[in-house]
Amino acid sequence: MRVLRYLSHPQVVIDPAVPVPDWRLSEEGRARVLALAETGWLPATTRIFCSSEVKAHETATLIAGMLGLNLLTDPMLNEIDRSSTGYVPHDRHEALADAFFADPEVSIAGWERAVDVERRGMEAIRDLASRQGEGDMMIVGHGGIGTLCWCALAGIDARSRPDQPPGGGAVWAVRLPDLTPLHGWLPMEQVARVAGH
């Protein structure tokens, strides 16, 4: 069975002075990725893609390096465009995110609409999956767009907001080539442990 795994980037350095797409992995996030990559849980992976945002690219670069694979970027996989607000404190961000998922047809505070994020994300995933040859595929992205795409694939109402575990670094998986759901968001360490047995 061939598998497409979608991995969200883990912890980042939150810097209000830096545009969110340019945030980098924190030491904790980087350490988690390196520990994951060293478990050898992705030997069947033949292609790895990521969004063009720094934190996702850093995550994917570490994994691709351990697997000896070339990394390909696709801006269609980028996170929700929140440039209208930029950085906002945690509580404000959570309130905006709740409204974003609750009203997918509405632009919340100027954010990209959920329906548009889901549409471009699924377009990218379907295109990449259709061109996958032998082996598994990994896409490294983000929690927001990743949740929307998982809901679309699993037939879940995104308004229920089945979010990834705190800290990011979570995985959902579907079967290739038909994109049949295998499991929803799980911490990457848990997925690696199961795959190692």
N, C-alpha and C. Protein backbone atom coordinates (compact mmCIF):
# COMPACT_ATOMS: atom_id res chain seq x y z
N MET A 1 0.84 -1.20 0.00
CA MET A 1 0.00 0.00 0.00
C MET A 1 0.88 1.25 0.00
N ARG A 2 0.58 2.16 -0.91
CA ARG A 2 1.29 3.43 -0.96
C ARG A 2 0.53 4.47 -0.14
N VAL A 3 1.28 5.34 0.51
CA VAL A 3 0.68 6.28 1.47
C VAL A 3 1.14 7.71 1.18
N LEU A 4 0.21 8.64 1.31
CA LEU A 4 0.53 10.07 1.34
C LEU A 4 0.39 10.52 2.79
N ARG A 5 1.47 11.03 3.35
CA ARG A 5 1.45 11.55 4.72
C ARG A 5 1.57 13.07 4.67
N TYR A 6 0.71 13.73 5.42
CA TYR A 6 0.74 15.18 5.53
C TYR A 6 1.24 15.52 6.93
N LEU A 7 2.35 16.23 7.01
CA LEU A 7 2.98 16.59 8.28
C LEU A 7 2.92 18.09 8.48
N SER A 8 2.41 18.53 9.60
CA SER A 8 2.46 19.95 9.94
C SER A 8 3.78 20.27 10.62
N HIS A 9 4.31 21.45 10.35
CA HIS A 9 5.56 21.84 10.99
C HIS A 9 5.36 21.91 12.51
N PRO A 10 6.41 21.62 13.28
CA PRO A 10 6.29 21.72 14.74
C PRO A 10 6.59 23.14 15.24
N GLN A 11 6.97 23.27 16.49
CA GLN A 11 7.09 24.56 17.17
C GLN A 11 8.01 25.53 16.43
N VAL A 12 7.63 26.82 16.51
CA VAL A 12 8.38 27.88 15.83
C VAL A 12 8.78 28.95 16.83
N VAL A 13 9.69 29.83 16.39
CA VAL A 13 10.04 31.02 17.16
C VAL A 13 9.01 32.09 16.82
N ILE A 14 8.20 32.47 17.78
CA ILE A 14 7.17 33.49 17.56
C ILE A 14 7.80 34.87 17.72
N ASP A 15 7.85 35.62 16.63
CA ASP A 15 8.48 36.94 16.62
C ASP A 15 7.52 37.93 15.97
N PRO A 16 6.86 38.77 16.78
CA PRO A 16 5.89 39.72 16.22
C PRO A 16 6.49 40.67 15.19
N ALA A 17 7.82 40.85 15.21
CA ALA A 17 8.47 41.77 14.28
C ALA A 17 8.73 41.14 12.92
N VAL A 18 8.51 39.84 12.81
CA VAL A 18 8.79 39.11 11.57
C VAL A 18 7.47 38.64 10.96
N PRO A 19 7.28 38.79 9.64
CA PRO A 19 6.06 38.26 9.02
C PRO A 19 5.90 36.77 9.32
N VAL A 20 4.68 36.35 9.62
CA VAL A 20 4.43 34.97 10.03
C VAL A 20 4.98 33.94 9.03
N PRO A 21 4.85 34.15 7.71
CA PRO A 21 5.40 33.14 6.78
C PRO A 21 6.92 32.98 6.87
N ASP A 22 7.58 33.96 7.50
CA ASP A 22 9.04 33.90 7.62
C ASP A 22 9.52 33.38 8.97
N TRP A 23 8.61 32.99 9.83
CA TRP A 23 9.01 32.43 11.12
C TRP A 23 9.79 31.14 10.90
N ARG A 24 10.74 30.90 11.81
CA ARG A 24 11.61 29.73 11.71
C ARG A 24 11.26 28.72 12.81
N LEU A 25 11.74 27.50 12.63
CA LEU A 25 11.56 26.49 13.67
C LEU A 25 12.30 26.91 14.94
N SER A 26 11.71 26.60 16.09
CA SER A 26 12.40 26.80 17.35
C SER A 26 13.37 25.64 17.57
N GLU A 27 14.20 25.76 18.58
CA GLU A 27 15.12 24.66 18.89
C GLU A 27 14.34 23.38 19.20
N GLU A 28 13.23 23.53 19.94
CA GLU A 28 12.41 22.36 20.26
C GLU A 28 11.82 21.74 19.00
N GLY A 29 11.30 22.57 18.12
CA GLY A 29 10.73 22.06 16.88
C GLY A 29 11.76 21.36 16.02
N ARG A 30 12.93 21.97 15.91
CA ARG A 30 14.00 21.38 15.11
C ARG A 30 14.44 20.03 15.69
N ALA A 31 14.56 19.98 17.03
CA ALA A 31 14.98 18.74 17.68
C ALA A 31 13.96 17.63 17.45
N ARG A 32 12.68 17.97 17.46
CA ARG A 32 11.64 16.96 17.21
C ARG A 32 11.75 16.39 15.80
N VAL A 33 12.00 17.27 14.83
CA VAL A 33 12.11 16.80 13.45
C VAL A 33 13.33 15.90 13.28
N LEU A 34 14.45 16.31 13.86
CA LEU A 34 15.66 15.50 13.73
C LEU A 34 15.48 14.14 14.39
N ALA A 35 14.83 14.12 15.55
CA ALA A 35 14.59 12.84 16.23
C ALA A 35 13.67 11.96 15.39
N LEU A 36 12.68 12.57 14.77
CA LEU A 36 11.76 11.82 13.92
C LEU A 36 12.49 11.26 12.71
N ALA A 37 13.28 12.09 12.07
CA ALA A 37 13.97 11.67 10.85
C ALA A 37 14.91 10.51 11.11
N GLU A 38 15.47 10.46 12.31
CA GLU A 38 16.45 9.41 12.63
C GLU A 38 15.80 8.07 12.98
N THR A 39 14.47 8.04 13.10
CA THR A 39 13.81 6.77 13.45
C THR A 39 13.72 5.82 12.27
N GLY A 40 13.91 6.34 11.07
CA GLY A 40 13.84 5.48 9.88
C GLY A 40 12.44 5.03 9.54
N TRP A 41 11.42 5.84 9.90
CA TRP A 41 10.04 5.42 9.68
C TRP A 41 9.52 5.74 8.28
N LEU A 42 10.36 6.35 7.43
CA LEU A 42 9.90 6.76 6.10
C LEU A 42 10.72 6.13 4.97
N PRO A 43 11.13 4.88 5.10
CA PRO A 43 12.02 4.31 4.07
C PRO A 43 11.36 4.19 2.70
N ALA A 44 10.04 4.12 2.66
CA ALA A 44 9.35 3.95 1.37
C ALA A 44 9.02 5.28 0.70
N THR A 45 9.36 6.39 1.37
CA THR A 45 9.05 7.71 0.81
C THR A 45 9.99 8.04 -0.34
N THR A 46 9.41 8.39 -1.48
CA THR A 46 10.21 8.69 -2.66
C THR A 46 10.12 10.15 -3.09
N ARG A 47 9.11 10.87 -2.59
CA ARG A 47 9.00 12.30 -2.92
C ARG A 47 8.52 13.07 -1.71
N ILE A 48 9.04 14.30 -1.57
CA ILE A 48 8.64 15.16 -0.47
C ILE A 48 8.41 16.56 -1.01
N PHE A 49 7.27 17.11 -0.63
CA PHE A 49 6.87 18.45 -1.04
C PHE A 49 6.61 19.28 0.21
N CYS A 50 6.68 20.61 0.05
CA CYS A 50 6.34 21.48 1.17
C CYS A 50 5.83 22.81 0.66
N SER A 51 5.24 23.57 1.56
CA SER A 51 4.83 24.92 1.23
C SER A 51 6.09 25.78 1.10
N SER A 52 5.92 27.00 0.63
CA SER A 52 7.07 27.87 0.45
C SER A 52 7.38 28.69 1.69
N GLU A 53 6.62 28.49 2.77
CA GLU A 53 6.88 29.22 4.01
C GLU A 53 8.08 28.63 4.73
N VAL A 54 8.84 29.49 5.42
CA VAL A 54 10.13 29.11 5.99
C VAL A 54 10.01 27.93 6.95
N LYS A 55 9.07 27.96 7.87
CA LYS A 55 8.99 26.91 8.89
C LYS A 55 8.69 25.54 8.29
N ALA A 56 7.84 25.50 7.27
CA ALA A 56 7.56 24.23 6.60
C ALA A 56 8.76 23.79 5.77
N HIS A 57 9.41 24.75 5.12
CA HIS A 57 10.57 24.42 4.29
C HIS A 57 11.71 23.88 5.15
N GLU A 58 11.93 24.50 6.31
CA GLU A 58 12.98 24.00 7.21
C GLU A 58 12.67 22.58 7.67
N THR A 59 11.42 22.33 8.03
CA THR A 59 11.02 20.98 8.46
C THR A 59 11.28 19.97 7.36
N ALA A 60 10.82 20.29 6.16
CA ALA A 60 10.96 19.37 5.03
C ALA A 60 12.42 19.17 4.63
N THR A 61 13.22 20.23 4.73
CA THR A 61 14.63 20.13 4.37
C THR A 61 15.35 19.13 5.26
N LEU A 62 15.05 19.15 6.56
CA LEU A 62 15.68 18.21 7.48
C LEU A 62 15.31 16.77 7.13
N ILE A 63 14.04 16.54 6.84
CA ILE A 63 13.59 15.18 6.52
C ILE A 63 14.14 14.73 5.17
N ALA A 64 14.08 15.61 4.18
CA ALA A 64 14.59 15.26 2.85
C ALA A 64 16.08 14.93 2.91
N GLY A 65 16.82 15.68 3.73
CA GLY A 65 18.25 15.42 3.87
C GLY A 65 18.53 14.05 4.44
N MET A 66 17.74 13.65 5.45
CA MET A 66 17.93 12.33 6.05
C MET A 66 17.56 11.21 5.08
N LEU A 67 16.61 11.49 4.18
CA LEU A 67 16.15 10.47 3.23
C LEU A 67 16.92 10.50 1.92
N GLY A 68 17.76 11.51 1.74
CA GLY A 68 18.49 11.64 0.49
C GLY A 68 17.60 11.98 -0.69
N LEU A 69 16.55 12.77 -0.43
CA LEU A 69 15.60 13.14 -1.47
C LEU A 69 15.69 14.62 -1.81
N ASN A 70 15.36 14.95 -3.04
CA ASN A 70 15.22 16.35 -3.42
C ASN A 70 13.90 16.87 -2.88
N LEU A 71 13.90 18.13 -2.49
CA LEU A 71 12.71 18.76 -1.94
C LEU A 71 12.09 19.68 -2.98
N LEU A 72 10.77 19.57 -3.14
CA LEU A 72 10.05 20.42 -4.08
C LEU A 72 9.06 21.28 -3.31
N THR A 73 8.97 22.56 -3.65
CA THR A 73 8.04 23.46 -2.97
C THR A 73 6.86 23.79 -3.87
N ASP A 74 5.73 24.05 -3.23
CA ASP A 74 4.51 24.41 -3.95
C ASP A 74 3.77 25.45 -3.12
N PRO A 75 3.71 26.71 -3.57
CA PRO A 75 3.03 27.75 -2.79
C PRO A 75 1.54 27.50 -2.61
N MET A 76 0.96 26.60 -3.41
CA MET A 76 -0.45 26.25 -3.23
C MET A 76 -0.67 25.56 -1.88
N LEU A 77 0.42 25.07 -1.28
CA LEU A 77 0.35 24.39 0.02
C LEU A 77 0.55 25.35 1.19
N ASN A 78 0.72 26.65 0.90
CA ASN A 78 0.97 27.61 1.97
C ASN A 78 -0.22 27.71 2.92
N GLU A 79 0.08 28.21 4.12
CA GLU A 79 -0.94 28.36 5.15
C GLU A 79 -1.94 29.45 4.76
N ILE A 80 -3.01 29.54 5.52
CA ILE A 80 -4.01 30.59 5.36
C ILE A 80 -3.31 31.94 5.25
N ASP A 81 -3.70 32.76 4.27
CA ASP A 81 -3.14 34.10 4.14
C ASP A 81 -3.76 34.99 5.22
N ARG A 82 -2.95 35.32 6.21
CA ARG A 82 -3.41 36.16 7.32
C ARG A 82 -2.69 37.49 7.35
N SER A 83 -2.18 37.90 6.18
CA SER A 83 -1.38 39.12 6.11
C SER A 83 -2.18 40.36 6.49
N SER A 84 -3.50 40.30 6.41
CA SER A 84 -4.32 41.46 6.77
C SER A 84 -4.16 41.83 8.24
N THR A 85 -3.91 40.84 9.08
CA THR A 85 -3.72 41.11 10.51
C THR A 85 -2.28 40.93 10.94
N GLY A 86 -1.53 40.10 10.22
CA GLY A 86 -0.19 39.78 10.69
C GLY A 86 -0.26 39.07 12.03
N TYR A 87 0.80 39.21 12.81
CA TYR A 87 0.82 38.57 14.13
C TYR A 87 -0.26 39.18 15.02
N VAL A 88 -0.97 38.33 15.73
CA VAL A 88 -1.89 38.78 16.78
C VAL A 88 -1.64 37.91 18.00
N PRO A 89 -1.87 38.43 19.22
CA PRO A 89 -1.67 37.62 20.43
C PRO A 89 -2.51 36.34 20.38
N HIS A 90 -2.09 35.37 21.17
CA HIS A 90 -2.67 34.03 21.12
C HIS A 90 -4.19 34.02 21.24
N ASP A 91 -4.72 34.70 22.26
CA ASP A 91 -6.17 34.66 22.48
C ASP A 91 -6.93 35.25 21.30
N ARG A 92 -6.40 36.34 20.74
CA ARG A 92 -7.03 36.96 19.57
C ARG A 92 -6.94 36.03 18.37
N HIS A 93 -5.80 35.38 18.22
CA HIS A 93 -5.63 34.44 17.11
C HIS A 93 -6.64 33.30 17.20
N GLU A 94 -6.82 32.75 18.40
CA GLU A 94 -7.76 31.65 18.57
C GLU A 94 -9.19 32.08 18.26
N ALA A 95 -9.55 33.30 18.66
CA ALA A 95 -10.90 33.81 18.36
C ALA A 95 -11.09 33.97 16.86
N LEU A 96 -10.08 34.49 16.18
CA LEU A 96 -10.16 34.64 14.72
C LEU A 96 -10.22 33.28 14.04
N ALA A 97 -9.43 32.33 14.54
CA ALA A 97 -9.42 30.99 13.95
C ALA A 97 -10.78 30.31 14.13
N ASP A 98 -11.38 30.48 15.31
CA ASP A 98 -12.72 29.91 15.53
C ASP A 98 -13.71 30.48 14.53
N ALA A 99 -13.66 31.79 14.31
CA ALA A 99 -14.56 32.43 13.36
C ALA A 99 -14.27 31.98 11.93
N PHE A 100 -12.99 31.80 11.63
CA PHE A 100 -12.56 31.35 10.29
C PHE A 100 -13.17 30.00 9.95
N PHE A 101 -13.11 29.06 10.88
CA PHE A 101 -13.66 27.73 10.64
C PHE A 101 -15.19 27.73 10.70
N ALA A 102 -15.76 28.60 11.52
CA ALA A 102 -17.22 28.64 11.68
C ALA A 102 -17.92 29.20 10.45
N ASP A 103 -17.27 30.12 9.74
CA ASP A 103 -17.87 30.78 8.57
C ASP A 103 -16.95 30.65 7.37
N PRO A 104 -16.89 29.48 6.76
CA PRO A 104 -15.91 29.24 5.70
C PRO A 104 -16.06 30.12 4.47
N GLU A 105 -17.26 30.66 4.25
CA GLU A 105 -17.49 31.50 3.06
C GLU A 105 -17.17 32.97 3.31
N VAL A 106 -16.80 33.30 4.54
CA VAL A 106 -16.59 34.70 4.92
C VAL A 106 -15.11 34.96 5.19
N SER A 107 -14.63 36.12 4.75
CA SER A 107 -13.26 36.53 5.07
C SER A 107 -13.28 37.15 6.46
N ILE A 108 -12.59 36.53 7.39
CA ILE A 108 -12.56 36.99 8.77
C ILE A 108 -11.39 37.96 8.94
N ALA A 109 -11.70 39.22 9.25
CA ALA A 109 -10.68 40.25 9.46
C ALA A 109 -9.73 40.36 8.26
N GLY A 110 -10.24 40.05 7.08
CA GLY A 110 -9.41 40.14 5.88
C GLY A 110 -8.62 38.89 5.56
N TRP A 111 -8.73 37.85 6.39
CA TRP A 111 -8.02 36.59 6.12
C TRP A 111 -8.59 35.94 4.86
N GLU A 112 -7.77 35.13 4.23
CA GLU A 112 -8.22 34.29 3.13
C GLU A 112 -9.37 33.41 3.62
N ARG A 113 -10.39 33.26 2.79
CA ARG A 113 -11.56 32.47 3.20
C ARG A 113 -11.22 30.98 3.29
N ALA A 114 -11.85 30.29 4.22
CA ALA A 114 -11.59 28.86 4.40
C ALA A 114 -11.91 28.07 3.14
N VAL A 115 -12.99 28.43 2.44
CA VAL A 115 -13.34 27.69 1.22
C VAL A 115 -12.25 27.81 0.16
N ASP A 116 -11.60 28.97 0.11
CA ASP A 116 -10.53 29.18 -0.88
C ASP A 116 -9.26 28.45 -0.48
N VAL A 117 -8.97 28.44 0.82
CA VAL A 117 -7.79 27.71 1.31
C VAL A 117 -7.96 26.22 1.01
N GLU A 118 -9.13 25.69 1.34
CA GLU A 118 -9.39 24.26 1.08
C GLU A 118 -9.30 23.95 -0.41
N ARG A 119 -9.86 24.82 -1.23
CA ARG A 119 -9.88 24.58 -2.68
C ARG A 119 -8.46 24.48 -3.24
N ARG A 120 -7.61 25.43 -2.90
CA ARG A 120 -6.25 25.39 -3.46
C ARG A 120 -5.43 24.26 -2.86
N GLY A 121 -5.64 23.98 -1.57
CA GLY A 121 -4.92 22.87 -0.95
C GLY A 121 -5.28 21.54 -1.56
N MET A 122 -6.56 21.31 -1.76
CA MET A 122 -7.00 20.04 -2.36
C MET A 122 -6.59 19.94 -3.82
N GLU A 123 -6.59 21.06 -4.52
CA GLU A 123 -6.13 21.05 -5.91
C GLU A 123 -4.67 20.60 -5.97
N ALA A 124 -3.85 21.14 -5.06
CA ALA A 124 -2.44 20.76 -5.02
C ALA A 124 -2.27 19.30 -4.65
N ILE A 125 -2.97 18.84 -3.63
CA ILE A 125 -2.84 17.45 -3.18
C ILE A 125 -3.27 16.48 -4.27
N ARG A 126 -4.39 16.75 -4.90
CA ARG A 126 -4.85 15.85 -5.97
C ARG A 126 -3.87 15.82 -7.14
N ASP A 127 -3.32 16.98 -7.48
CA ASP A 127 -2.36 17.03 -8.58
C ASP A 127 -1.10 16.25 -8.24
N LEU A 128 -0.56 16.46 -7.04
CA LEU A 128 0.66 15.76 -6.64
C LEU A 128 0.42 14.26 -6.55
N ALA A 129 -0.72 13.87 -5.98
CA ALA A 129 -1.03 12.45 -5.84
C ALA A 129 -1.18 11.77 -7.20
N SER A 130 -1.75 12.49 -8.16
CA SER A 130 -1.97 11.89 -9.49
C SER A 130 -0.66 11.65 -10.22
N ARG A 131 0.40 12.35 -9.82
CA ARG A 131 1.69 12.21 -10.50
C ARG A 131 2.69 11.37 -9.70
N GLN A 132 2.24 10.82 -8.58
CA GLN A 132 3.13 10.00 -7.77
C GLN A 132 3.31 8.62 -8.40
N GLY A 133 4.55 8.22 -8.56
CA GLY A 133 4.83 6.88 -9.09
C GLY A 133 4.93 5.88 -7.96
N GLU A 134 6.01 5.12 -7.93
CA GLU A 134 6.21 4.14 -6.87
C GLU A 134 6.54 4.85 -5.56
N GLY A 135 6.21 4.20 -4.46
CA GLY A 135 6.60 4.70 -3.15
C GLY A 135 5.60 5.65 -2.53
N ASP A 136 5.92 6.04 -1.29
CA ASP A 136 5.07 6.95 -0.53
C ASP A 136 5.46 8.40 -0.81
N MET A 137 4.58 9.29 -0.40
CA MET A 137 4.80 10.72 -0.56
C MET A 137 4.59 11.42 0.77
N MET A 138 5.38 12.46 1.03
CA MET A 138 5.15 13.30 2.19
C MET A 138 4.95 14.74 1.75
N ILE A 139 3.97 15.39 2.35
CA ILE A 139 3.75 16.82 2.17
C ILE A 139 3.94 17.47 3.54
N VAL A 140 4.78 18.48 3.60
CA VAL A 140 5.01 19.21 4.86
C VAL A 140 4.34 20.57 4.74
N GLY A 141 3.41 20.82 5.66
CA GLY A 141 2.65 22.05 5.57
C GLY A 141 2.30 22.63 6.92
N HIS A 142 1.03 22.93 7.10
CA HIS A 142 0.58 23.75 8.23
C HIS A 142 -0.72 23.22 8.82
N GLY A 143 -0.99 23.65 10.05
CA GLY A 143 -2.16 23.15 10.76
C GLY A 143 -3.49 23.59 10.20
N GLY A 144 -3.59 24.84 9.74
CA GLY A 144 -4.86 25.35 9.25
C GLY A 144 -5.29 24.72 7.94
N ILE A 145 -4.47 24.87 6.92
CA ILE A 145 -4.78 24.29 5.62
C ILE A 145 -4.79 22.77 5.71
N GLY A 146 -3.93 22.21 6.54
CA GLY A 146 -3.90 20.76 6.71
C GLY A 146 -5.20 20.23 7.29
N THR A 147 -5.77 20.95 8.25
CA THR A 147 -7.04 20.55 8.84
C THR A 147 -8.17 20.63 7.82
N LEU A 148 -8.18 21.71 7.04
CA LEU A 148 -9.22 21.86 6.02
C LEU A 148 -9.16 20.74 4.99
N CYS A 149 -7.95 20.40 4.56
CA CYS A 149 -7.80 19.33 3.56
C CYS A 149 -8.17 17.97 4.15
N TRP A 150 -7.78 17.72 5.40
CA TRP A 150 -8.16 16.46 6.04
C TRP A 150 -9.68 16.35 6.12
N CYS A 151 -10.35 17.42 6.50
CA CYS A 151 -11.81 17.39 6.59
C CYS A 151 -12.43 17.09 5.24
N ALA A 152 -11.89 17.70 4.18
CA ALA A 152 -12.42 17.45 2.83
C ALA A 152 -12.25 15.99 2.44
N LEU A 153 -11.10 15.42 2.75
CA LEU A 153 -10.82 14.03 2.39
C LEU A 153 -11.63 13.04 3.22
N ALA A 154 -11.82 13.37 4.49
CA ALA A 154 -12.50 12.44 5.41
C ALA A 154 -14.00 12.67 5.50
N GLY A 155 -14.50 13.70 4.81
CA GLY A 155 -15.93 13.98 4.86
C GLY A 155 -16.38 14.52 6.20
N ILE A 156 -15.51 15.29 6.84
CA ILE A 156 -15.80 15.88 8.16
C ILE A 156 -16.14 17.36 7.97
N ASP A 157 -17.13 17.84 8.70
CA ASP A 157 -17.47 19.26 8.67
C ASP A 157 -16.35 20.04 9.35
N ALA A 158 -15.68 20.91 8.61
CA ALA A 158 -14.55 21.65 9.16
C ALA A 158 -14.96 22.57 10.30
N ARG A 159 -16.26 22.88 10.38
CA ARG A 159 -16.71 23.74 11.48
C ARG A 159 -16.57 23.07 12.83
N SER A 160 -16.40 21.74 12.83
CA SER A 160 -16.15 21.03 14.08
C SER A 160 -14.71 21.21 14.54
N ARG A 161 -13.87 21.74 13.65
CA ARG A 161 -12.48 22.07 13.92
C ARG A 161 -11.71 20.93 14.60
N PRO A 162 -11.54 19.82 13.90
CA PRO A 162 -10.74 18.71 14.45
C PRO A 162 -9.25 19.04 14.34
N ASP A 163 -8.79 19.90 15.24
CA ASP A 163 -7.46 20.50 15.13
C ASP A 163 -6.36 19.50 15.44
N GLN A 164 -5.16 19.85 15.00
CA GLN A 164 -3.98 19.05 15.31
C GLN A 164 -3.63 19.18 16.79
N PRO A 165 -2.85 18.24 17.34
CA PRO A 165 -2.42 18.35 18.74
C PRO A 165 -1.59 19.61 18.96
N PRO A 166 -1.59 20.15 20.18
CA PRO A 166 -0.79 21.35 20.48
C PRO A 166 0.68 21.14 20.12
N GLY A 167 1.31 22.18 19.61
CA GLY A 167 2.73 22.10 19.27
C GLY A 167 3.00 21.71 17.84
N GLY A 168 1.94 21.35 17.11
CA GLY A 168 2.15 20.97 15.71
C GLY A 168 2.94 19.68 15.61
N GLY A 169 3.61 19.49 14.47
CA GLY A 169 4.34 18.25 14.27
C GLY A 169 3.41 17.06 14.29
N ALA A 170 2.27 17.19 13.60
CA ALA A 170 1.27 16.13 13.57
C ALA A 170 1.10 15.63 12.14
N VAL A 171 0.58 14.41 12.03
CA VAL A 171 0.47 13.73 10.74
C VAL A 171 -0.95 13.20 10.53
N TRP A 172 -1.47 13.40 9.32
CA TRP A 172 -2.60 12.59 8.87
C TRP A 172 -2.17 11.86 7.61
N ALA A 173 -2.89 10.79 7.28
CA ALA A 173 -2.45 9.96 6.15
C ALA A 173 -3.64 9.47 5.35
N VAL A 174 -3.40 9.34 4.04
CA VAL A 174 -4.38 8.77 3.12
C VAL A 174 -3.68 7.77 2.22
N ARG A 175 -4.45 6.87 1.67
CA ARG A 175 -3.91 5.87 0.76
C ARG A 175 -3.79 6.46 -0.64
N LEU A 176 -2.75 6.07 -1.33
CA LEU A 176 -2.58 6.44 -2.74
C LEU A 176 -2.98 5.26 -3.62
N PRO A 177 -3.54 5.52 -4.79
CA PRO A 177 -3.77 6.83 -5.40
C PRO A 177 -5.15 7.41 -5.14
N ASP A 178 -6.02 6.70 -4.42
CA ASP A 178 -7.43 7.13 -4.33
C ASP A 178 -7.71 8.08 -3.17
N LEU A 179 -6.69 8.37 -2.35
CA LEU A 179 -6.81 9.31 -1.23
C LEU A 179 -7.83 8.86 -0.18
N THR A 180 -7.95 7.55 -0.01
CA THR A 180 -8.81 7.01 1.05
C THR A 180 -8.19 7.32 2.41
N PRO A 181 -8.94 7.91 3.35
CA PRO A 181 -8.38 8.26 4.66
C PRO A 181 -7.89 7.03 5.43
N LEU A 182 -6.72 7.17 6.04
CA LEU A 182 -6.15 6.13 6.90
C LEU A 182 -6.22 6.53 8.37
N HIS A 183 -5.80 7.73 8.70
CA HIS A 183 -5.95 8.24 10.07
C HIS A 183 -5.87 9.76 10.05
N GLY A 184 -6.52 10.36 11.06
CA GLY A 184 -6.48 11.80 11.22
C GLY A 184 -5.23 12.25 11.96
N TRP A 185 -5.25 13.51 12.41
CA TRP A 185 -4.07 14.08 13.07
C TRP A 185 -3.59 13.23 14.25
N LEU A 186 -2.33 12.85 14.21
CA LEU A 186 -1.66 12.18 15.32
C LEU A 186 -0.28 12.80 15.48
N PRO A 187 0.25 12.88 16.71
CA PRO A 187 1.61 13.38 16.88
C PRO A 187 2.58 12.55 16.04
N MET A 188 3.54 13.21 15.42
CA MET A 188 4.44 12.49 14.52
C MET A 188 5.23 11.41 15.25
N GLU A 189 5.52 11.64 16.52
CA GLU A 189 6.25 10.63 17.29
C GLU A 189 5.42 9.36 17.44
N GLN A 190 4.12 9.51 17.64
CA GLN A 190 3.23 8.35 17.76
C GLN A 190 3.17 7.58 16.45
N VAL A 191 3.07 8.29 15.35
CA VAL A 191 3.03 7.64 14.04
C VAL A 191 4.33 6.88 13.78
N ALA A 192 5.45 7.49 14.15
CA ALA A 192 6.74 6.85 13.94
C ALA A 192 6.88 5.59 14.78
N ARG A 193 6.38 5.62 16.03
CA ARG A 193 6.46 4.44 16.90
C ARG A 193 5.66 3.28 16.32
N VAL A 194 4.46 3.58 15.86
CA VAL A 194 3.60 2.53 15.28
C VAL A 194 4.25 1.95 14.04
N ALA A 195 4.82 2.82 13.20
CA ALA A 195 5.44 2.36 11.95
C ALA A 195 6.68 1.53 12.22
N GLY A 196 7.29 1.74 13.40
CA GLY A 196 8.52 1.02 13.70
C GLY A 196 8.29 -0.39 14.20
N HIS A 197 7.04 -0.78 14.42
CA HIS A 197 6.74 -2.13 14.95
C HIS A 197 6.21 -3.04 13.86
